[in-house]
């Protein structure tokens, strides 16, 4: 058994102040010298960046839809191992889960899986005595969810606070904090939510410090820590990337890894001029290839901030040397690159800068043309396209992308339609989409995925060893993905 003190920070709805409270708690307790682990319910990439800044540890996601309920506690234990406190920030309202699937993937569901007490953050700006009815309703809706305290947010005055506290005395749920309205803790937003930490580092540091200061001054930290320590022990079944990858091909039916053509045109070899100066695959010898750790370059920097920590951990556990590169600044791929992973982010915001870095665009295109594995999700898909909002991109895909006003958001059930570097044909994956762009065409001659939720359609591109799609996936749910990709990098 493992005993990790823990709290789940939830709210009746989005916009109530969960991120302020959760991040403020993480930073306030970290400032006291406590080792704190930050977690986020659901697929959100941006909030974990603030958690990382607050704790000095990787922010991690707990997604019962993409990873399945059975992996929530092990992934939590993995991320929080050795910590004196774990703070889990919820998603949307406490009981809001995957559409049409009941409690699945809701904050309440994750709290029950973790056997963790919940702190309910309530926007009290437009109510007084009614707050007691609201809290009572949330506390009594599901007896399997333990609401251990309330933090009142956007309290207007001492008189307002007194009225709220008096009303809540009847609810039986203790008030563990009352935050005044404050401008200094606000974080700017844009078309996909908060602006990521990587894009405004100094401002983000100041915002997190302001959150920590307000929470420390206006919340009962001792009461919150006592509540966290009241959580019962969990089975010591912490997730391990090494064990997950070791089991990925260890079953009775290993994932097949068929050989693909090294050219986009079947049977047509590449000439040396196609390789240019890009660091393509090194000469292979049977003896050296067997033990070599291939370099896998993972896109980072301000334009590519969306990634799950476990994905890179799995790549490393599968035998890769993972090296980060910044498409905004670096003019060449890392030395010896044998595969590239380009996750999500905001290339639409940085399209002029990405386009201006012609040297790197050519290097990525030439590596892809050489037959090296390339996996791209969402932002990576746009970067591999021929153009984005009329500006040249890598040109690996015969497709053009542009911004729209329409938000595409939600969980997806998908099946691999084509054998590729991430999955064999027929493999089923769960993921999510989150973008305001479109790419035309939306799928190649060999689509990456067949979507089965919420509607049936094909999506994405498979060309040789290139896999590009809007679908974000969490590789902990299918560790064979990382193992398969690294195996392809070895040749």
Protein backbone atom coordinates (compact mmCIF):
# COMPACT_ATOMS: atom_id res chain seq x y z
CA UNK A 1 0.00 0.00 0.00
CA UNK A 2 1.08 3.58 -0.62
CA UNK A 3 -0.16 6.51 1.43
CA UNK A 4 -0.06 9.75 -0.55
CA UNK A 5 -1.92 12.69 1.02
CA UNK A 6 -4.18 14.05 -1.72
CA UNK A 7 -6.94 16.48 -2.56
CA UNK A 8 -9.18 16.86 -5.59
CA UNK A 9 -10.04 20.49 -6.38
CA UNK A 10 -13.44 20.59 -8.10
CA UNK A 11 -16.20 23.10 -8.82
CA UNK A 12 -19.86 23.27 -9.82
CA UNK A 13 -18.88 24.51 -13.27
CA UNK A 14 -16.05 25.78 -15.42
CA UNK A 15 -14.88 29.30 -14.64
CA UNK A 16 -15.31 28.95 -10.87
CA UNK A 17 -11.60 29.24 -10.08
CA UNK A 18 -10.27 25.67 -9.99
CA UNK A 19 -6.99 26.53 -11.69
CA UNK A 20 -6.32 29.46 -9.36
CA UNK A 21 -7.00 27.43 -6.24
CA UNK A 22 -5.28 24.22 -7.36
CA UNK A 23 -2.17 25.95 -8.68
CA UNK A 24 -2.09 28.29 -5.68
CA UNK A 25 -2.26 25.34 -3.28
CA UNK A 26 0.53 23.53 -5.11
CA UNK A 27 2.80 26.57 -5.04
CA UNK A 28 1.94 27.54 -1.46
CA UNK A 29 2.73 24.08 -0.09
CA UNK A 30 5.84 23.78 -2.26
CA UNK A 31 7.04 27.09 -0.82
CA UNK A 32 6.74 25.47 2.62
CA UNK A 33 9.21 22.81 1.53
CA UNK A 34 6.70 20.08 0.84
CA UNK A 35 7.20 17.87 -2.22
CA UNK A 36 3.99 18.43 -4.20
CA UNK A 37 2.67 16.60 -7.25
CA UNK A 38 0.21 18.27 -9.62
CA UNK A 39 -2.41 16.39 -11.65
CA UNK A 40 -5.21 17.35 -14.03
CA UNK A 41 -8.41 15.41 -14.72
CA UNK A 42 -9.03 14.96 -18.42
CA UNK A 43 -7.04 15.71 -21.57
CA UNK A 44 -6.11 19.35 -20.86
CA UNK A 45 -2.49 20.23 -21.71
CA UNK A 46 -2.32 23.84 -20.54
CA UNK A 47 -3.16 23.60 -16.83
CA UNK A 48 -0.41 20.99 -16.21
CA UNK A 49 2.10 23.58 -17.43
CA UNK A 50 1.09 25.83 -14.55
CA UNK A 51 1.24 22.84 -12.19
CA UNK A 52 4.79 22.15 -13.32
CA UNK A 53 5.74 25.75 -12.64
CA UNK A 54 4.15 25.60 -9.18
CA UNK A 55 5.69 22.29 -8.08
CA UNK A 56 8.91 21.85 -10.05
CA UNK A 57 7.66 18.41 -11.11
CA UNK A 58 5.99 17.30 -14.37
CA UNK A 59 2.27 18.06 -14.39
CA UNK A 60 0.35 14.89 -15.23
CA UNK A 61 -3.09 14.02 -16.57
CA UNK A 62 -5.55 11.50 -15.19
CA UNK A 63 -7.99 10.56 -17.94
CA UNK A 64 -10.37 7.70 -17.28
CA UNK A 65 -11.68 7.82 -20.85
CA UNK A 66 -8.45 7.73 -22.82
CA UNK A 67 -6.48 5.53 -20.41
CA UNK A 68 -9.33 3.61 -18.81
CA UNK A 69 -10.39 3.64 -15.14
CA UNK A 70 -7.93 0.91 -14.16
CA UNK A 71 -4.93 3.09 -15.04
CA UNK A 72 -5.98 6.19 -13.11
CA UNK A 73 -4.66 5.12 -9.70
CA UNK A 74 -1.41 3.58 -11.07
CA UNK A 75 -0.65 6.71 -13.12
CA UNK A 76 -1.41 8.86 -10.08
CA UNK A 77 0.89 6.80 -7.86
CA UNK A 78 3.64 7.00 -10.49
CA UNK A 79 3.44 10.77 -10.71
CA UNK A 80 3.08 11.39 -6.97
CA UNK A 81 5.59 8.85 -5.69
CA UNK A 82 7.74 10.33 -2.93
CA UNK A 83 5.54 13.41 -2.47
CA UNK A 84 4.06 14.74 0.73
CA UNK A 85 0.99 16.06 -1.07
CA UNK A 86 -0.78 15.58 -4.39
CA UNK A 87 -3.29 18.10 -5.71
CA UNK A 88 -5.63 17.01 -8.50
CA UNK A 89 -7.36 19.76 -10.46
CA UNK A 90 -10.74 18.73 -11.81
CA UNK A 91 -12.34 19.39 -15.17
CA UNK A 92 -15.56 21.33 -15.88
CA UNK A 93 -18.19 20.70 -13.19
CA UNK A 94 -17.64 18.00 -10.58
CA UNK A 95 -20.06 15.53 -12.18
CA UNK A 96 -19.46 16.38 -15.85
CA UNK A 97 -17.94 13.43 -17.71
CA UNK A 98 -17.63 12.07 -21.24
CA UNK A 99 -20.76 13.02 -23.15
CA UNK A 100 -23.47 10.39 -22.95
CA UNK A 101 -21.41 8.02 -20.78
CA UNK A 102 -22.54 8.90 -17.28
CA UNK A 103 -19.80 9.63 -14.76
CA UNK A 104 -16.97 8.25 -16.94
CA UNK A 105 -13.94 10.57 -16.89
CA UNK A 106 -15.63 13.13 -14.63
CA UNK A 107 -13.84 14.68 -11.68
CA UNK A 108 -16.18 12.76 -9.39
CA UNK A 109 -15.23 9.50 -11.11
CA UNK A 110 -11.50 10.18 -10.69
CA UNK A 111 -11.99 11.22 -7.06
CA UNK A 112 -13.69 7.90 -6.36
CA UNK A 113 -10.98 5.94 -8.16
CA UNK A 114 -8.37 7.72 -6.02
CA UNK A 115 -10.49 7.57 -2.84
CA UNK A 116 -9.61 11.26 -2.46
CA UNK A 117 -11.49 13.99 -0.58
CA UNK A 118 -12.86 16.82 -2.71
CA UNK A 119 -12.54 20.54 -2.09
CA UNK A 120 -15.35 22.37 -3.87
CA UNK A 121 -14.46 25.81 -5.25
CA UNK A 122 -17.61 27.96 -5.46
CA UNK A 123 -17.91 31.25 -7.31
CA UNK A 124 -19.79 33.19 -4.65
CA UNK A 125 -19.85 36.51 -6.48
CA UNK A 126 -23.63 36.60 -7.01
CA UNK A 127 -25.05 34.71 -4.06
CA UNK A 128 -25.22 34.53 -0.28
CA UNK A 129 -27.48 32.02 1.51
CA UNK A 130 -28.11 30.08 -1.70
CA UNK A 131 -24.52 28.83 -1.52
CA UNK A 132 -25.62 26.39 1.19
CA UNK A 133 -28.23 24.81 -1.09
CA UNK A 134 -25.69 24.51 -3.90
CA UNK A 135 -23.07 22.85 -1.68
CA UNK A 136 -25.65 20.56 -0.08
CA UNK A 137 -26.81 19.42 -3.51
CA UNK A 138 -23.30 18.63 -4.70
CA UNK A 139 -22.37 16.88 -1.45
CA UNK A 140 -25.47 14.67 -1.42
CA UNK A 141 -25.75 13.88 -5.15
CA UNK A 142 -23.32 10.93 -5.01
CA UNK A 143 -22.55 9.42 -1.62
CA UNK A 144 -19.40 7.86 -3.07
CA UNK A 145 -17.90 11.34 -3.45
CA UNK A 146 -16.63 12.88 -0.23
CA UNK A 147 -16.73 16.68 -0.28
CA UNK A 148 -14.47 17.56 2.62
CA UNK A 149 -14.50 21.33 2.35
CA UNK A 150 -15.45 24.45 0.42
CA UNK A 151 -13.31 27.30 -0.81
CA UNK A 152 -15.33 30.41 -1.62
CA UNK A 153 -14.04 32.42 -4.57
CA UNK A 154 -14.67 36.03 -5.65
CA UNK A 155 -15.94 37.07 -2.25
CA UNK A 156 -16.88 40.76 -2.32
CA UNK A 157 -16.36 41.94 1.29
CA UNK A 158 -16.07 40.91 4.94
CA UNK A 159 -19.85 41.19 5.24
CA UNK A 160 -20.34 38.99 2.19
CA UNK A 161 -17.96 36.40 3.63
CA UNK A 162 -19.79 36.38 6.96
CA UNK A 163 -23.13 35.74 5.22
CA UNK A 164 -21.65 32.89 3.21
CA UNK A 165 -20.03 31.25 6.21
CA UNK A 166 -23.21 31.56 8.25
CA UNK A 167 -25.23 29.86 5.51
CA UNK A 168 -22.72 27.06 5.09
CA UNK A 169 -22.78 26.21 8.80
CA UNK A 170 -26.09 24.48 8.06
CA UNK A 171 -24.58 22.36 5.27
CA UNK A 172 -22.10 20.53 7.49
CA UNK A 173 -19.29 21.16 4.98
CA UNK A 174 -16.47 23.28 6.45
CA UNK A 175 -15.25 26.46 4.78
CA UNK A 176 -11.51 26.09 4.18
CA UNK A 177 -10.93 29.40 2.43
CA UNK A 178 -12.51 32.60 1.15
CA UNK A 179 -10.73 34.33 -1.72
CA UNK A 180 -11.37 37.97 -2.54
CA UNK A 181 -11.62 39.17 -6.11
CA UNK A 182 -8.07 39.76 -7.33
CA UNK A 183 -6.72 40.90 -10.67
CA UNK A 184 -3.12 39.82 -10.12
CA UNK A 185 -3.93 36.12 -10.30
CA UNK A 186 -5.63 36.27 -13.69
CA UNK A 187 -4.10 34.44 -16.64
CA UNK A 188 -4.82 35.61 -20.21
CA UNK A 189 -6.86 33.39 -22.52
CA UNK A 190 -7.34 33.04 -26.27
CA UNK A 191 -9.04 30.71 -28.77
CA UNK A 192 -8.16 27.41 -27.02
CA UNK A 193 -8.15 28.56 -23.40
CA UNK A 194 -5.32 29.83 -21.18
CA UNK A 195 -2.08 30.97 -22.79
CA UNK A 196 0.52 28.25 -22.04
CA UNK A 197 3.36 28.84 -19.59
CA UNK A 198 6.01 28.39 -22.29
CA UNK A 199 4.74 31.41 -24.19
CA UNK A 200 4.82 33.86 -21.27
CA UNK A 201 7.28 32.44 -18.78
CA UNK A 202 7.98 35.55 -16.68
CA UNK A 203 4.32 36.57 -16.56
CA UNK A 204 3.34 33.00 -15.68
CA UNK A 205 5.87 32.91 -12.84
CA UNK A 206 4.39 36.12 -11.47
CA UNK A 207 0.83 34.80 -11.83
CA UNK A 208 1.67 31.56 -10.00
CA UNK A 209 3.38 33.53 -7.22
CA UNK A 210 0.26 35.70 -6.92
CA UNK A 211 -1.96 32.61 -6.74
CA UNK A 212 0.26 31.11 -4.04
CA UNK A 213 0.24 34.32 -2.04
CA UNK A 214 -3.51 34.71 -2.15
CA UNK A 215 -4.21 31.07 -1.29
CA UNK A 216 -1.70 31.09 1.58
CA UNK A 217 -3.24 34.27 3.01
CA UNK A 218 -6.92 33.43 2.58
CA UNK A 219 -7.13 29.63 2.92
CA UNK A 220 -6.73 27.30 5.88
CA UNK A 221 -3.60 25.47 4.73
CA UNK A 222 -3.39 23.38 7.88
CA UNK A 223 -7.00 22.30 7.52
CA UNK A 224 -6.48 21.46 3.84
CA UNK A 225 -3.36 19.42 4.61
CA UNK A 226 -5.20 17.55 7.36
CA UNK A 227 -7.99 16.78 4.91
CA UNK A 228 -5.46 15.51 2.36
CA UNK A 229 -3.85 13.28 4.99
CA UNK A 230 -7.23 11.75 5.80
CA UNK A 231 -7.27 9.98 2.42
CA UNK A 232 -6.85 6.21 2.84
CA UNK A 233 -3.89 4.28 1.47
CA UNK A 234 -4.00 3.06 -2.13
CA UNK A 235 -2.71 -0.27 -3.45
CA UNK A 236 0.95 0.19 -4.40
CA UNK A 237 0.44 -0.46 -8.09
CA UNK A 238 2.34 2.51 -9.44
CA UNK A 239 2.65 2.60 -13.21
CA UNK A 240 6.08 1.99 -14.70
CA UNK A 241 7.06 2.95 -18.24
CA UNK A 242 9.69 0.22 -18.28
CA UNK A 243 7.24 -2.45 -17.18
CA UNK A 244 4.58 -1.16 -19.56
CA UNK A 245 6.91 -1.32 -22.55
CA UNK A 246 8.29 -4.64 -21.41
CA UNK A 247 4.79 -6.04 -21.51
CA UNK A 248 3.88 -4.38 -24.78
CA UNK A 249 5.40 -7.16 -26.86
CA UNK A 250 5.53 -9.81 -24.19
CA UNK A 251 2.06 -11.24 -24.61
CA UNK A 252 0.96 -14.22 -26.63
CA UNK A 253 0.06 -12.02 -29.58
CA UNK A 254 2.76 -9.37 -30.11
CA UNK A 255 1.95 -6.34 -32.23
CA UNK A 256 3.07 -6.97 -35.81
CA UNK A 257 5.64 -4.60 -37.29
CA UNK A 258 5.38 -4.99 -41.06
CA UNK A 259 8.05 -3.38 -43.20
CA UNK A 260 6.95 -0.32 -45.12
CA UNK A 261 8.47 1.19 -48.21
CA UNK A 262 11.03 3.87 -47.46
CA UNK A 263 9.46 5.97 -50.20
CA UNK A 264 6.06 7.57 -50.56
CA UNK A 265 6.01 6.05 -54.03
CA UNK A 266 6.03 2.29 -53.61
CA UNK A 267 9.13 0.55 -54.91
CA UNK A 268 10.85 3.74 -55.95
CA UNK A 269 14.14 4.28 -54.09
CA UNK A 270 15.28 7.72 -52.98
CA UNK A 271 18.33 9.30 -54.49
CA UNK A 272 20.97 10.86 -52.27
CA UNK A 273 19.83 14.34 -53.25
CA UNK A 274 16.56 13.77 -51.39
CA UNK A 275 18.45 13.51 -48.15
CA UNK A 276 20.06 16.93 -48.41
CA UNK A 277 21.88 17.93 -45.23
CA UNK A 278 19.29 16.50 -42.87
CA UNK A 279 20.61 13.92 -40.40
CA UNK A 280 18.82 10.93 -41.88
CA UNK A 281 19.17 7.35 -40.69
CA UNK A 282 22.76 6.35 -40.01
CA UNK A 283 24.30 3.46 -41.94
CA UNK A 284 23.02 0.23 -40.48
CA UNK A 285 25.09 -2.75 -39.48
CA UNK A 286 23.41 -5.84 -38.02
CA UNK A 287 25.58 -5.83 -34.91
CA UNK A 288 25.36 -2.12 -34.18
CA UNK A 289 21.66 -1.85 -34.99
CA UNK A 290 20.70 -4.46 -32.42
CA UNK A 291 21.96 -2.49 -29.39
CA UNK A 292 21.70 1.07 -30.66
CA UNK A 293 19.52 3.63 -28.88
CA UNK A 294 18.02 5.67 -31.72
CA UNK A 295 17.67 9.41 -31.26
CA UNK A 296 14.01 10.47 -31.29
CA UNK A 297 13.57 14.23 -31.65
CA UNK A 298 10.48 15.62 -29.90
CA UNK A 299 9.21 19.08 -30.84
CA UNK A 300 9.00 21.61 -28.03
CA UNK A 301 9.20 25.34 -27.51
CA UNK A 302 6.40 27.86 -27.47
CA UNK A 303 4.65 26.53 -30.59
CA UNK A 304 4.50 22.87 -29.48
CA UNK A 305 3.57 22.72 -25.81
CA UNK A 306 1.01 19.88 -25.81
CA UNK A 307 2.42 16.55 -24.67
CA UNK A 308 1.91 13.94 -21.99
CA UNK A 309 4.92 13.21 -19.77
CA UNK A 310 4.29 9.48 -20.01
CA UNK A 311 4.68 9.52 -23.82
CA UNK A 312 8.32 10.58 -23.66
CA UNK A 313 8.93 8.29 -20.68
CA UNK A 314 7.65 5.39 -22.77
CA UNK A 315 9.89 6.34 -25.70
CA UNK A 316 12.90 6.34 -23.40
CA UNK A 317 11.84 3.05 -21.79
CA UNK A 318 11.46 1.53 -25.27
CA UNK A 319 15.11 2.30 -25.96
CA UNK A 320 15.18 5.78 -27.49
CA UNK A 321 17.36 8.74 -26.63
CA UNK A 322 14.75 11.49 -26.48
CA UNK A 323 16.02 14.95 -27.45
CA UNK A 324 13.85 18.08 -27.59
CA UNK A 325 14.10 20.58 -30.44
CA UNK A 326 12.37 23.93 -30.97
CA UNK A 327 10.99 24.50 -34.50
CA UNK A 328 10.90 28.22 -33.80
CA UNK A 329 14.62 28.49 -33.07
CA UNK A 330 16.59 25.43 -34.16
CA UNK A 331 17.74 25.33 -37.78
CA UNK A 332 18.61 21.63 -37.72
CA UNK A 333 17.30 18.48 -36.11
CA UNK A 334 19.32 16.99 -33.24
CA UNK A 335 22.43 15.13 -34.40
CA UNK A 336 21.68 11.55 -35.37
CA UNK A 337 17.88 11.94 -35.40
CA UNK A 338 16.22 8.73 -36.57
CA UNK A 339 12.60 9.64 -35.76
CA UNK A 340 10.53 12.73 -35.01
CA UNK A 341 7.50 13.25 -32.77
CA UNK A 342 5.59 16.53 -33.15
CA UNK A 343 2.77 16.95 -30.67
CA UNK A 344 0.12 19.59 -30.20
CA UNK A 345 0.35 23.29 -29.60
CA UNK A 346 -0.26 26.59 -31.35
CA UNK A 347 1.46 26.67 -34.75
CA UNK A 348 -1.33 28.97 -35.97
CA UNK A 349 -0.08 31.63 -33.53
CA UNK A 350 3.52 31.24 -34.71
CA UNK A 351 2.95 30.46 -38.38
CA UNK A 352 5.15 33.33 -39.68
CA UNK A 353 8.09 32.30 -37.47
CA UNK A 354 7.71 28.60 -38.28
CA UNK A 355 7.54 29.38 -41.98
CA UNK A 356 10.59 31.67 -41.77
CA UNK A 357 12.69 28.80 -40.36
CA UNK A 358 13.12 27.31 -43.81
CA UNK A 359 16.21 25.32 -42.88
CA UNK A 360 14.38 23.25 -40.29
CA UNK A 361 11.31 22.82 -42.48
CA UNK A 362 13.52 21.32 -45.17
CA UNK A 363 15.32 19.12 -42.66
CA UNK A 364 12.02 17.68 -41.40
CA UNK A 365 10.77 17.12 -44.95
CA UNK A 366 13.97 15.41 -46.04
CA UNK A 367 14.01 13.18 -42.97
CA UNK A 368 10.42 12.15 -43.68
CA UNK A 369 11.27 11.47 -47.32
CA UNK A 370 14.23 9.34 -46.24
CA UNK A 371 11.80 6.91 -44.63
CA UNK A 372 12.45 7.83 -41.02
CA UNK A 373 9.41 7.55 -38.72
CA UNK A 374 7.50 10.78 -38.09
CA UNK A 375 4.48 10.96 -35.76
CA UNK A 376 2.48 14.20 -35.71
CA UNK A 377 -0.59 15.14 -33.67
CA UNK A 378 -2.76 18.19 -34.36
CA UNK A 379 -0.19 21.01 -34.35
CA UNK A 380 2.29 18.56 -35.83
CA UNK A 381 -0.21 17.75 -38.58
CA UNK A 382 -0.41 21.45 -39.47
CA UNK A 383 3.37 21.79 -39.44
CA UNK A 384 3.77 18.89 -41.87
CA UNK A 385 1.18 20.36 -44.24
CA UNK A 386 2.00 22.23 -47.43
CA UNK A 387 0.80 25.51 -45.92
CA UNK A 388 -0.84 27.03 -42.85
CA UNK A 389 -2.93 30.16 -43.39
CA UNK A 390 -1.17 30.60 -46.73
CA UNK A 391 2.36 30.36 -45.32
CA UNK A 392 4.69 27.53 -46.39
CA UNK A 393 5.19 24.71 -43.92
CA UNK A 394 7.18 21.46 -44.28
CA UNK A 395 5.28 20.18 -47.33
CA UNK A 396 5.41 16.56 -46.22
CA UNK A 397 1.64 16.28 -46.80
CA UNK A 398 -0.28 17.36 -49.89
CA UNK A 399 -2.71 19.35 -47.79
CA UNK A 400 -3.30 22.92 -46.66
CA UNK A 401 -4.46 24.13 -43.25
CA UNK A 402 -6.20 27.27 -42.08
CA UNK A 403 -7.77 28.80 -39.00
CA UNK A 404 -11.57 28.86 -38.61
CA UNK A 405 -14.01 30.16 -36.01
CA UNK A 406 -15.39 26.68 -35.30
CA UNK A 407 -14.11 24.77 -32.27
CA UNK A 408 -13.68 21.03 -32.69
CA UNK A 409 -13.53 19.48 -29.23
CA UNK A 410 -14.29 16.09 -27.74
CA UNK A 411 -13.33 12.52 -27.05
CA UNK A 412 -13.02 10.15 -29.97
CA UNK A 413 -13.10 6.39 -30.52
CA UNK A 414 -10.85 5.47 -33.43
CA UNK A 415 -9.49 2.48 -35.31
CA UNK A 416 -6.27 2.43 -37.31
CA UNK A 417 -7.19 1.97 -40.98
CA UNK A 418 -3.64 1.56 -42.28
CA UNK A 419 -0.58 -0.18 -40.89
CA UNK A 420 1.63 2.63 -39.62
CA UNK A 421 4.46 3.56 -37.26
CA UNK A 422 2.09 3.86 -34.28
CA UNK A 423 -0.32 0.98 -34.68
CA UNK A 424 -1.20 -2.01 -36.85
CA UNK A 425 -4.31 -1.83 -38.99
CA UNK A 426 -7.35 -2.65 -36.89
CA UNK A 427 -5.91 -1.36 -33.60
CA UNK A 428 -8.42 0.60 -31.56
CA UNK A 429 -7.48 3.79 -29.74
CA UNK A 430 -9.25 6.40 -27.67
CA UNK A 431 -8.22 10.02 -28.00
CA UNK A 432 -9.49 13.56 -28.25
CA UNK A 433 -9.57 16.50 -30.64
CA UNK A 434 -9.10 20.13 -29.69
CA UNK A 435 -8.59 22.69 -32.46
CA UNK A 436 -10.02 25.59 -34.43
CA UNK A 437 -8.29 24.73 -37.69
CA UNK A 438 -9.19 22.61 -40.68
CA UNK A 439 -6.94 20.81 -43.13
CA UNK A 440 -7.95 20.16 -46.72
CA UNK A 441 -8.20 17.38 -47.61
CA UNK A 442 -9.01 16.02 -44.19
CA UNK A 443 -7.60 12.57 -44.99
CA UNK A 444 -5.07 11.11 -47.37
CA UNK A 445 -5.34 8.19 -49.78
CA UNK A 446 -4.34 6.06 -46.78
CA UNK A 447 -6.21 7.59 -43.81
CA UNK A 448 -4.77 7.31 -40.35
CA UNK A 449 -8.00 6.70 -38.44
CA UNK A 450 -11.59 5.69 -38.84
CA UNK A 451 -13.57 7.63 -36.24
CA UNK A 452 -16.51 5.95 -34.53
CA UNK A 453 -17.41 8.62 -31.95
CA UNK A 454 -19.24 10.94 -32.15
CA UNK A 455 -19.67 10.38 -35.90
CA UNK A 456 -18.26 7.97 -38.45
CA UNK A 457 -15.58 9.48 -40.70
CA UNK A 458 -12.00 9.00 -41.82
CA UNK A 459 -9.22 11.31 -40.74
CA UNK A 460 -5.48 11.84 -40.99
CA UNK A 461 -2.63 10.72 -43.21
CA UNK A 462 -0.31 7.73 -43.46
CA UNK A 463 2.46 8.08 -46.05
CA UNK A 464 5.33 5.65 -45.74
CA UNK A 465 6.58 6.03 -42.18
CA UNK A 466 4.73 9.31 -41.60
CA UNK A 467 1.64 9.34 -39.39
CA UNK A 468 -0.20 12.66 -39.07
CA UNK A 469 -3.59 13.28 -37.53
CA UNK A 470 -5.68 15.65 -35.43
CA UNK A 471 -6.17 12.90 -32.83
CA UNK A 472 -4.34 13.33 -29.51
CA UNK A 473 -3.59 10.01 -27.82
CA UNK A 474 -2.18 9.03 -24.44
CA UNK A 475 0.37 6.30 -25.01
CA UNK A 476 0.10 4.88 -21.49
CA UNK A 477 -3.16 3.34 -22.71
CA UNK A 478 -1.26 1.50 -25.45
CA UNK A 479 2.45 1.28 -24.60
CA UNK A 480 2.98 -0.76 -27.76
CA UNK A 481 2.70 2.57 -29.59
CA UNK A 482 6.02 3.82 -28.22
CA UNK A 483 7.68 0.41 -28.59
CA UNK A 484 6.52 0.14 -32.18
CA UNK A 485 7.73 3.65 -33.04
CA UNK A 486 11.19 3.08 -31.55
CA UNK A 487 11.47 -0.27 -33.30
CA UNK A 488 10.80 1.47 -36.61
CA UNK A 489 13.48 4.02 -35.76
CA UNK A 490 15.96 1.17 -35.45
CA UNK A 491 15.06 0.18 -38.99
